[in-house]
Amino acid sequence: MRRLLALVLTAAVVGCSPPAPSARPGDAPAPKPAASDWAFGSGQNSVEIVHMVDGDPAKPDLRMVCASGQGFLILLPGLKPVDSEERLTLGAGPIAHGFVATAATGGVQARGPIDEALLSVFESDAPIGINHGYQNAGPFTPPAALRRAFADICRKLQARGSV
């Protein structure tokens, strides 16, 4: 009896559902959502944000990673290594945080520990800027929620003693 009641109720619900809209000839296709210029990823041991030129995943121009056991990593494929300059500065508004830069495949990279001064860059509302020698990158304006999530996860990794 219960099976019959369940079948009848299911048929009634399905029968009452409005028909799915169908495309008519000549209708324009639904617009695709705009590509985001930012990607965010997190796992148990890391968090990463990436800026992509025009939303194209094949054209990242900034990658920042907070990884367990490895600290903070910033990659800038569009910058050229400057032999006379080891410093790379990441900042937002009046906040500036320095790293030692090295050459990377097709760009520049820098590594360092996670500390409150670095996290304050991500907690700031100001655009993020980067300087290496005579070169500047940015301003980058990641969405506020993305910045907060990145800083929060980095802080949790730091609290675990992982970075």
N, C-alpha and C. Protein backbone atom coordinates (compact mmCIF):
# COMPACT_ATOMS: atom_id res chain seq x y z
N MET A 1 0.81 -1.18 0.00
CA MET A 1 0.00 0.00 0.00
C MET A 1 0.87 1.26 0.00
N ARG A 2 1.95 1.25 0.80
CA ARG A 2 2.83 2.41 0.86
C ARG A 2 3.50 2.65 -0.48
N ARG A 3 3.88 1.57 -1.16
CA ARG A 3 4.51 1.72 -2.47
C ARG A 3 3.55 2.36 -3.47
N LEU A 4 2.31 1.94 -3.41
CA LEU A 4 1.31 2.49 -4.31
C LEU A 4 1.09 3.97 -4.02
N LEU A 5 1.04 4.34 -2.73
CA LEU A 5 0.87 5.73 -2.35
C LEU A 5 2.06 6.56 -2.81
N ALA A 6 3.28 6.03 -2.65
CA ALA A 6 4.48 6.74 -3.08
C ALA A 6 4.47 6.93 -4.59
N LEU A 7 4.04 5.90 -5.33
CA LEU A 7 3.96 5.99 -6.79
C LEU A 7 2.95 7.03 -7.23
N VAL A 8 1.80 7.06 -6.57
CA VAL A 8 0.76 8.02 -6.91
C VAL A 8 1.23 9.43 -6.61
N LEU A 9 1.87 9.65 -5.43
CA LEU A 9 2.38 10.97 -5.08
C LEU A 9 3.46 11.42 -6.05
N THR A 10 4.36 10.52 -6.42
CA THR A 10 5.41 10.86 -7.37
C THR A 10 4.81 11.25 -8.71
N ALA A 11 3.84 10.48 -9.18
CA ALA A 11 3.19 10.78 -10.46
C ALA A 11 2.48 12.12 -10.40
N ALA A 12 1.86 12.41 -9.26
CA ALA A 12 1.15 13.68 -9.13
C ALA A 12 2.12 14.85 -9.15
N VAL A 13 3.25 14.72 -8.47
CA VAL A 13 4.23 15.80 -8.43
C VAL A 13 4.84 16.00 -9.82
N VAL A 14 5.22 14.91 -10.47
CA VAL A 14 5.80 15.01 -11.81
C VAL A 14 4.78 15.57 -12.78
N GLY A 15 3.54 15.13 -12.66
CA GLY A 15 2.49 15.59 -13.57
C GLY A 15 2.17 17.06 -13.39
N CYS A 16 2.43 17.61 -12.19
CA CYS A 16 2.12 19.01 -11.92
C CYS A 16 3.26 19.95 -12.27
N SER A 17 4.41 19.40 -12.56
CA SER A 17 5.55 20.26 -12.88
C SER A 17 5.31 20.96 -14.21
N PRO A 18 5.65 22.25 -14.30
CA PRO A 18 5.48 22.94 -15.57
C PRO A 18 6.47 22.39 -16.59
N PRO A 19 6.11 22.40 -17.85
CA PRO A 19 7.02 21.87 -18.86
C PRO A 19 8.25 22.77 -18.96
N ALA A 20 9.38 22.14 -19.28
CA ALA A 20 10.63 22.89 -19.43
C ALA A 20 10.51 23.78 -20.66
N PRO A 21 11.01 25.02 -20.55
CA PRO A 21 10.95 25.90 -21.72
C PRO A 21 11.80 25.34 -22.83
N SER A 22 11.34 25.45 -24.03
CA SER A 22 12.11 24.97 -25.17
C SER A 22 12.50 26.14 -26.05
N ALA A 23 13.64 25.99 -26.66
CA ALA A 23 14.12 27.06 -27.54
C ALA A 23 13.32 27.01 -28.84
N ARG A 24 12.94 28.18 -29.30
CA ARG A 24 12.24 28.26 -30.57
C ARG A 24 13.22 28.69 -31.64
N PRO A 25 12.99 28.29 -32.87
CA PRO A 25 13.89 28.74 -33.94
C PRO A 25 13.93 30.26 -33.97
N GLY A 26 15.13 30.81 -34.11
CA GLY A 26 15.29 32.26 -34.17
C GLY A 26 15.58 32.89 -32.83
N ASP A 27 15.37 32.12 -31.70
CA ASP A 27 15.71 32.66 -30.38
C ASP A 27 17.23 32.76 -30.26
N ALA A 28 17.68 33.83 -29.65
CA ALA A 28 19.12 34.00 -29.42
C ALA A 28 19.54 33.06 -28.29
N PRO A 29 20.74 32.51 -28.38
CA PRO A 29 21.20 31.64 -27.29
C PRO A 29 21.39 32.46 -26.01
N ALA A 30 21.23 31.78 -24.89
CA ALA A 30 21.40 32.46 -23.61
C ALA A 30 22.84 32.96 -23.49
N PRO A 31 23.03 34.17 -22.97
CA PRO A 31 24.39 34.69 -22.84
C PRO A 31 25.18 33.88 -21.82
N LYS A 32 26.47 33.71 -22.09
CA LYS A 32 27.35 33.02 -21.16
C LYS A 32 27.80 34.01 -20.10
N PRO A 33 27.98 33.54 -18.87
CA PRO A 33 28.47 34.46 -17.84
C PRO A 33 29.88 34.94 -18.20
N ALA A 34 30.21 36.16 -17.79
CA ALA A 34 31.52 36.71 -18.08
C ALA A 34 32.59 35.92 -17.32
N ALA A 35 33.73 35.75 -17.96
CA ALA A 35 34.83 35.05 -17.31
C ALA A 35 35.40 35.92 -16.20
N SER A 36 35.76 35.29 -15.12
CA SER A 36 36.37 36.02 -14.02
C SER A 36 37.86 36.16 -14.28
N ASP A 37 38.44 37.25 -13.82
CA ASP A 37 39.88 37.43 -13.94
C ASP A 37 40.62 36.75 -12.80
N TRP A 38 39.88 36.20 -11.85
CA TRP A 38 40.49 35.61 -10.65
C TRP A 38 40.08 34.16 -10.48
N ALA A 39 41.03 33.34 -10.04
CA ALA A 39 40.75 31.95 -9.68
C ALA A 39 41.23 31.74 -8.24
N PHE A 40 40.52 30.93 -7.51
CA PHE A 40 40.83 30.64 -6.12
C PHE A 40 40.76 29.14 -5.92
N GLY A 41 41.72 28.61 -5.22
CA GLY A 41 41.70 27.19 -4.92
C GLY A 41 42.26 26.94 -3.54
N SER A 42 41.70 25.98 -2.85
CA SER A 42 42.24 25.63 -1.54
C SER A 42 42.11 24.13 -1.33
N GLY A 43 43.01 23.64 -0.53
CA GLY A 43 43.00 22.23 -0.17
C GLY A 43 43.36 22.12 1.29
N GLN A 44 43.65 20.93 1.73
CA GLN A 44 43.99 20.71 3.13
C GLN A 44 45.29 21.40 3.51
N ASN A 45 46.22 21.51 2.57
CA ASN A 45 47.55 22.02 2.89
C ASN A 45 47.95 23.28 2.14
N SER A 46 47.05 23.90 1.40
CA SER A 46 47.42 25.09 0.66
C SER A 46 46.21 25.89 0.23
N VAL A 47 46.49 27.13 -0.16
CA VAL A 47 45.49 28.01 -0.73
C VAL A 47 46.20 28.83 -1.80
N GLU A 48 45.47 29.16 -2.87
CA GLU A 48 46.09 29.85 -4.00
C GLU A 48 45.10 30.80 -4.64
N ILE A 49 45.59 31.97 -5.05
CA ILE A 49 44.80 32.87 -5.88
C ILE A 49 45.64 33.22 -7.10
N VAL A 50 44.95 33.32 -8.23
CA VAL A 50 45.61 33.57 -9.50
C VAL A 50 44.85 34.66 -10.25
N HIS A 51 45.60 35.60 -10.80
CA HIS A 51 44.99 36.60 -11.68
C HIS A 51 45.31 36.20 -13.12
N MET A 52 44.27 36.19 -13.97
CA MET A 52 44.42 35.80 -15.36
C MET A 52 44.06 36.98 -16.25
N VAL A 53 44.92 37.29 -17.18
CA VAL A 53 44.68 38.40 -18.10
C VAL A 53 43.43 38.10 -18.92
N ASP A 54 42.47 38.98 -18.87
CA ASP A 54 41.19 38.83 -19.59
C ASP A 54 40.47 37.53 -19.26
N GLY A 55 40.71 36.98 -18.06
CA GLY A 55 40.04 35.75 -17.64
C GLY A 55 40.55 34.50 -18.34
N ASP A 56 41.65 34.59 -19.06
CA ASP A 56 42.19 33.46 -19.82
C ASP A 56 43.12 32.63 -18.94
N PRO A 57 42.77 31.38 -18.61
CA PRO A 57 43.61 30.55 -17.76
C PRO A 57 45.01 30.31 -18.32
N ALA A 58 45.18 30.48 -19.61
CA ALA A 58 46.50 30.30 -20.23
C ALA A 58 47.38 31.53 -20.06
N LYS A 59 46.82 32.62 -19.49
CA LYS A 59 47.59 33.86 -19.33
C LYS A 59 47.60 34.36 -17.89
N PRO A 60 48.15 33.57 -16.97
CA PRO A 60 48.23 34.09 -15.59
C PRO A 60 49.36 35.12 -15.51
N ASP A 61 49.11 36.23 -14.83
CA ASP A 61 50.18 37.21 -14.65
C ASP A 61 50.53 37.40 -13.17
N LEU A 62 49.80 36.71 -12.29
CA LEU A 62 50.09 36.75 -10.86
C LEU A 62 49.55 35.47 -10.23
N ARG A 63 50.40 34.81 -9.46
CA ARG A 63 49.99 33.61 -8.73
C ARG A 63 50.54 33.73 -7.32
N MET A 64 49.69 33.59 -6.32
CA MET A 64 50.13 33.65 -4.93
C MET A 64 49.64 32.40 -4.22
N VAL A 65 50.57 31.75 -3.52
CA VAL A 65 50.28 30.47 -2.87
C VAL A 65 50.77 30.51 -1.43
N CYS A 66 49.95 30.00 -0.55
CA CYS A 66 50.33 29.76 0.83
C CYS A 66 50.26 28.25 0.99
N ALA A 67 51.42 27.60 1.23
CA ALA A 67 51.45 26.14 1.24
C ALA A 67 52.09 25.60 2.51
N SER A 68 51.52 24.52 2.99
CA SER A 68 52.02 23.87 4.19
C SER A 68 53.48 23.46 3.99
N GLY A 69 54.32 23.86 4.93
CA GLY A 69 55.73 23.50 4.87
C GLY A 69 56.56 24.32 3.91
N GLN A 70 55.91 25.22 3.14
CA GLN A 70 56.65 25.99 2.15
C GLN A 70 56.47 27.49 2.29
N GLY A 71 55.56 27.94 3.12
CA GLY A 71 55.34 29.36 3.32
C GLY A 71 54.61 30.00 2.15
N PHE A 72 54.97 31.24 1.87
CA PHE A 72 54.30 32.03 0.84
C PHE A 72 55.15 32.02 -0.42
N LEU A 73 54.50 31.88 -1.57
CA LEU A 73 55.16 31.92 -2.87
C LEU A 73 54.39 32.87 -3.76
N ILE A 74 55.10 33.75 -4.44
CA ILE A 74 54.49 34.63 -5.42
C ILE A 74 55.23 34.44 -6.74
N LEU A 75 54.47 34.25 -7.82
CA LEU A 75 55.03 34.08 -9.16
C LEU A 75 54.47 35.16 -10.07
N LEU A 76 55.37 35.78 -10.83
CA LEU A 76 54.98 36.83 -11.78
C LEU A 76 55.61 36.51 -13.13
N PRO A 77 54.88 35.78 -13.98
CA PRO A 77 55.44 35.38 -15.27
C PRO A 77 55.81 36.55 -16.18
N GLY A 78 55.17 37.69 -16.03
CA GLY A 78 55.42 38.81 -16.93
C GLY A 78 56.61 39.67 -16.58
N LEU A 79 57.20 39.47 -15.40
CA LEU A 79 58.35 40.28 -15.02
C LEU A 79 59.64 39.59 -15.43
N LYS A 80 60.67 40.41 -15.65
CA LYS A 80 61.99 39.90 -15.99
C LYS A 80 62.88 39.96 -14.75
N PRO A 81 63.69 38.93 -14.54
CA PRO A 81 64.62 39.01 -13.42
C PRO A 81 65.57 40.19 -13.60
N VAL A 82 65.84 40.90 -12.53
CA VAL A 82 66.76 42.03 -12.55
C VAL A 82 67.99 41.61 -11.76
N ASP A 83 69.13 41.46 -12.47
CA ASP A 83 70.35 40.96 -11.83
C ASP A 83 70.79 41.81 -10.64
N SER A 84 70.61 43.10 -10.74
CA SER A 84 71.09 43.99 -9.67
C SER A 84 70.07 44.18 -8.55
N GLU A 85 68.94 43.51 -8.63
CA GLU A 85 67.88 43.71 -7.63
C GLU A 85 67.35 42.37 -7.15
N GLU A 86 67.56 42.09 -5.87
CA GLU A 86 67.03 40.86 -5.28
C GLU A 86 65.67 41.06 -4.65
N ARG A 87 65.30 42.30 -4.41
CA ARG A 87 64.09 42.57 -3.64
C ARG A 87 62.84 42.59 -4.53
N LEU A 88 61.78 41.98 -4.02
CA LEU A 88 60.45 42.08 -4.61
C LEU A 88 59.54 42.56 -3.49
N THR A 89 58.79 43.61 -3.75
CA THR A 89 57.91 44.17 -2.73
C THR A 89 56.46 43.98 -3.14
N LEU A 90 55.69 43.45 -2.22
CA LEU A 90 54.25 43.26 -2.37
C LEU A 90 53.59 44.22 -1.40
N GLY A 91 52.64 45.01 -1.87
CA GLY A 91 52.03 45.97 -0.98
C GLY A 91 50.61 46.32 -1.33
N ALA A 92 49.96 47.00 -0.38
CA ALA A 92 48.60 47.50 -0.56
C ALA A 92 48.50 48.78 0.26
N GLY A 93 48.23 49.90 -0.41
CA GLY A 93 48.17 51.18 0.30
C GLY A 93 49.50 51.45 0.97
N PRO A 94 49.50 51.78 2.27
CA PRO A 94 50.75 52.08 2.96
C PRO A 94 51.52 50.83 3.42
N ILE A 95 50.96 49.63 3.21
CA ILE A 95 51.58 48.39 3.69
C ILE A 95 52.50 47.85 2.60
N ALA A 96 53.74 47.56 2.96
CA ALA A 96 54.71 46.98 2.01
C ALA A 96 55.41 45.82 2.69
N HIS A 97 55.54 44.73 1.96
CA HIS A 97 56.17 43.53 2.49
C HIS A 97 57.24 43.07 1.50
N GLY A 98 58.47 42.90 1.96
CA GLY A 98 59.58 42.55 1.08
C GLY A 98 59.92 41.08 1.08
N PHE A 99 60.39 40.63 -0.09
CA PHE A 99 60.85 39.25 -0.29
C PHE A 99 62.14 39.28 -1.08
N VAL A 100 62.85 38.16 -1.06
CA VAL A 100 64.00 37.98 -1.93
C VAL A 100 63.49 37.31 -3.20
N ALA A 101 63.74 37.97 -4.34
CA ALA A 101 63.26 37.47 -5.63
C ALA A 101 64.35 36.65 -6.32
N THR A 102 63.90 35.66 -7.08
CA THR A 102 64.79 34.85 -7.91
C THR A 102 64.15 34.66 -9.27
N ALA A 103 64.95 34.27 -10.23
CA ALA A 103 64.42 33.99 -11.56
C ALA A 103 63.57 32.73 -11.51
N ALA A 104 62.51 32.73 -12.29
CA ALA A 104 61.64 31.57 -12.43
C ALA A 104 61.49 31.30 -13.92
N THR A 105 60.98 30.14 -14.27
CA THR A 105 60.74 29.85 -15.67
C THR A 105 59.78 30.89 -16.22
N GLY A 106 60.26 31.74 -17.10
CA GLY A 106 59.42 32.75 -17.72
C GLY A 106 59.00 33.87 -16.80
N GLY A 107 59.79 34.20 -15.79
CA GLY A 107 59.40 35.30 -14.93
C GLY A 107 60.22 35.40 -13.67
N VAL A 108 59.57 35.89 -12.62
CA VAL A 108 60.20 36.11 -11.33
C VAL A 108 59.35 35.44 -10.26
N GLN A 109 60.03 34.93 -9.22
CA GLN A 109 59.32 34.36 -8.08
C GLN A 109 59.96 34.85 -6.80
N ALA A 110 59.22 34.79 -5.72
CA ALA A 110 59.74 35.12 -4.40
C ALA A 110 59.05 34.24 -3.38
N ARG A 111 59.79 33.92 -2.33
CA ARG A 111 59.26 33.07 -1.25
C ARG A 111 59.52 33.74 0.08
N GLY A 112 58.72 33.39 1.05
CA GLY A 112 58.95 33.90 2.39
C GLY A 112 57.97 33.31 3.37
N PRO A 113 58.21 33.59 4.65
CA PRO A 113 57.30 33.09 5.67
C PRO A 113 56.00 33.89 5.69
N ILE A 114 54.98 33.27 6.24
CA ILE A 114 53.70 33.95 6.44
C ILE A 114 53.76 34.62 7.79
N ASP A 115 53.48 35.92 7.82
CA ASP A 115 53.39 36.64 9.08
C ASP A 115 52.25 37.65 8.98
N GLU A 116 51.95 38.28 10.10
CA GLU A 116 50.82 39.21 10.15
C GLU A 116 51.01 40.39 9.19
N ALA A 117 52.24 40.85 9.01
CA ALA A 117 52.48 41.97 8.09
C ALA A 117 52.07 41.58 6.66
N LEU A 118 52.42 40.36 6.25
CA LEU A 118 52.03 39.90 4.92
C LEU A 118 50.52 39.74 4.83
N LEU A 119 49.90 39.15 5.83
CA LEU A 119 48.46 38.94 5.79
C LEU A 119 47.70 40.26 5.77
N SER A 120 48.27 41.29 6.35
CA SER A 120 47.60 42.60 6.34
C SER A 120 47.48 43.17 4.93
N VAL A 121 48.36 42.76 4.01
CA VAL A 121 48.24 43.17 2.61
C VAL A 121 46.92 42.67 2.04
N PHE A 122 46.56 41.44 2.38
CA PHE A 122 45.34 40.83 1.85
C PHE A 122 44.09 41.31 2.59
N GLU A 123 44.27 41.76 3.81
CA GLU A 123 43.12 42.25 4.58
C GLU A 123 42.84 43.73 4.30
N SER A 124 43.72 44.37 3.59
CA SER A 124 43.53 45.78 3.22
C SER A 124 42.50 45.89 2.10
N ASP A 125 41.86 47.04 2.01
CA ASP A 125 40.93 47.32 0.91
C ASP A 125 41.65 47.90 -0.31
N ALA A 126 42.90 48.30 -0.12
CA ALA A 126 43.65 48.97 -1.19
C ALA A 126 44.08 47.96 -2.26
N PRO A 127 44.19 48.41 -3.50
CA PRO A 127 44.69 47.53 -4.56
C PRO A 127 46.09 47.00 -4.21
N ILE A 128 46.39 45.82 -4.70
CA ILE A 128 47.69 45.19 -4.47
C ILE A 128 48.64 45.59 -5.59
N GLY A 129 49.84 46.00 -5.22
CA GLY A 129 50.86 46.34 -6.19
C GLY A 129 52.14 45.59 -5.89
N ILE A 130 52.94 45.38 -6.93
CA ILE A 130 54.19 44.64 -6.79
C ILE A 130 55.28 45.41 -7.51
N ASN A 131 56.48 45.43 -6.90
CA ASN A 131 57.62 46.09 -7.51
C ASN A 131 58.83 45.16 -7.45
N HIS A 132 59.54 45.10 -8.56
CA HIS A 132 60.81 44.37 -8.63
C HIS A 132 61.74 45.18 -9.51
N GLY A 133 62.72 45.84 -8.89
CA GLY A 133 63.65 46.68 -9.64
C GLY A 133 62.90 47.83 -10.30
N TYR A 134 63.04 47.94 -11.60
CA TYR A 134 62.39 49.01 -12.37
C TYR A 134 60.99 48.63 -12.81
N GLN A 135 60.51 47.44 -12.47
CA GLN A 135 59.23 46.93 -12.96
C GLN A 135 58.15 46.97 -11.89
N ASN A 136 56.97 47.32 -12.31
CA ASN A 136 55.79 47.29 -11.43
C ASN A 136 54.74 46.38 -12.04
N ALA A 137 53.98 45.72 -11.20
CA ALA A 137 52.85 44.90 -11.64
C ALA A 137 51.64 45.32 -10.81
N GLY A 138 50.51 45.41 -11.46
CA GLY A 138 49.30 45.83 -10.77
C GLY A 138 48.90 47.20 -11.24
N PRO A 139 47.95 47.80 -10.61
CA PRO A 139 47.32 47.33 -9.38
C PRO A 139 46.38 46.16 -9.65
N PHE A 140 46.37 45.23 -8.71
CA PHE A 140 45.48 44.09 -8.74
C PHE A 140 44.39 44.31 -7.71
N THR A 141 43.16 44.04 -8.09
CA THR A 141 42.03 44.24 -7.18
C THR A 141 41.20 42.96 -7.06
N PRO A 142 41.74 41.98 -6.34
CA PRO A 142 40.94 40.76 -6.13
C PRO A 142 39.69 41.09 -5.33
N PRO A 143 38.60 40.37 -5.55
CA PRO A 143 37.39 40.59 -4.77
C PRO A 143 37.68 40.48 -3.27
N ALA A 144 37.01 41.29 -2.48
CA ALA A 144 37.24 41.33 -1.03
C ALA A 144 37.05 39.96 -0.39
N ALA A 145 36.05 39.22 -0.81
CA ALA A 145 35.80 37.89 -0.21
C ALA A 145 36.96 36.95 -0.51
N LEU A 146 37.51 37.03 -1.70
CA LEU A 146 38.64 36.19 -2.08
C LEU A 146 39.87 36.54 -1.23
N ARG A 147 40.10 37.83 -1.04
CA ARG A 147 41.24 38.28 -0.22
C ARG A 147 41.10 37.79 1.21
N ARG A 148 39.89 37.93 1.77
CA ARG A 148 39.65 37.49 3.15
C ARG A 148 39.85 35.98 3.29
N ALA A 149 39.30 35.22 2.36
CA ALA A 149 39.43 33.76 2.41
C ALA A 149 40.89 33.34 2.32
N PHE A 150 41.64 33.97 1.43
CA PHE A 150 43.06 33.66 1.29
C PHE A 150 43.79 33.92 2.60
N ALA A 151 43.58 35.11 3.18
CA ALA A 151 44.24 35.47 4.44
C ALA A 151 43.82 34.53 5.56
N ASP A 152 42.55 34.19 5.65
CA ASP A 152 42.06 33.31 6.73
C ASP A 152 42.69 31.93 6.64
N ILE A 153 42.74 31.36 5.44
CA ILE A 153 43.31 30.02 5.29
C ILE A 153 44.81 30.05 5.53
N CYS A 154 45.51 31.08 5.05
CA CYS A 154 46.95 31.22 5.34
C CYS A 154 47.18 31.30 6.84
N ARG A 155 46.36 32.07 7.52
CA ARG A 155 46.50 32.23 8.98
C ARG A 155 46.28 30.89 9.68
N LYS A 156 45.31 30.10 9.22
CA LYS A 156 45.06 28.79 9.83
C LYS A 156 46.23 27.84 9.59
N LEU A 157 46.81 27.88 8.39
CA LEU A 157 48.00 27.06 8.11
C LEU A 157 49.15 27.51 9.01
N GLN A 158 49.29 28.80 9.18
CA GLN A 158 50.35 29.33 10.04
C GLN A 158 50.13 28.89 11.49
N ALA A 159 48.89 28.94 11.96
CA ALA A 159 48.58 28.55 13.34
C ALA A 159 48.87 27.08 13.59
N ARG A 160 48.73 26.26 12.56
CA ARG A 160 49.06 24.82 12.69
C ARG A 160 50.56 24.61 12.74
N GLY A 161 51.33 25.69 12.46
CA GLY A 161 52.78 25.54 12.44
C GLY A 161 53.27 24.96 11.13
N SER A 162 52.45 25.10 10.10
CA SER A 162 52.76 24.47 8.82
C SER A 162 53.52 25.36 7.86
N VAL A 163 53.56 26.66 8.12
CA VAL A 163 54.23 27.55 7.16
C VAL A 163 55.29 28.36 7.86
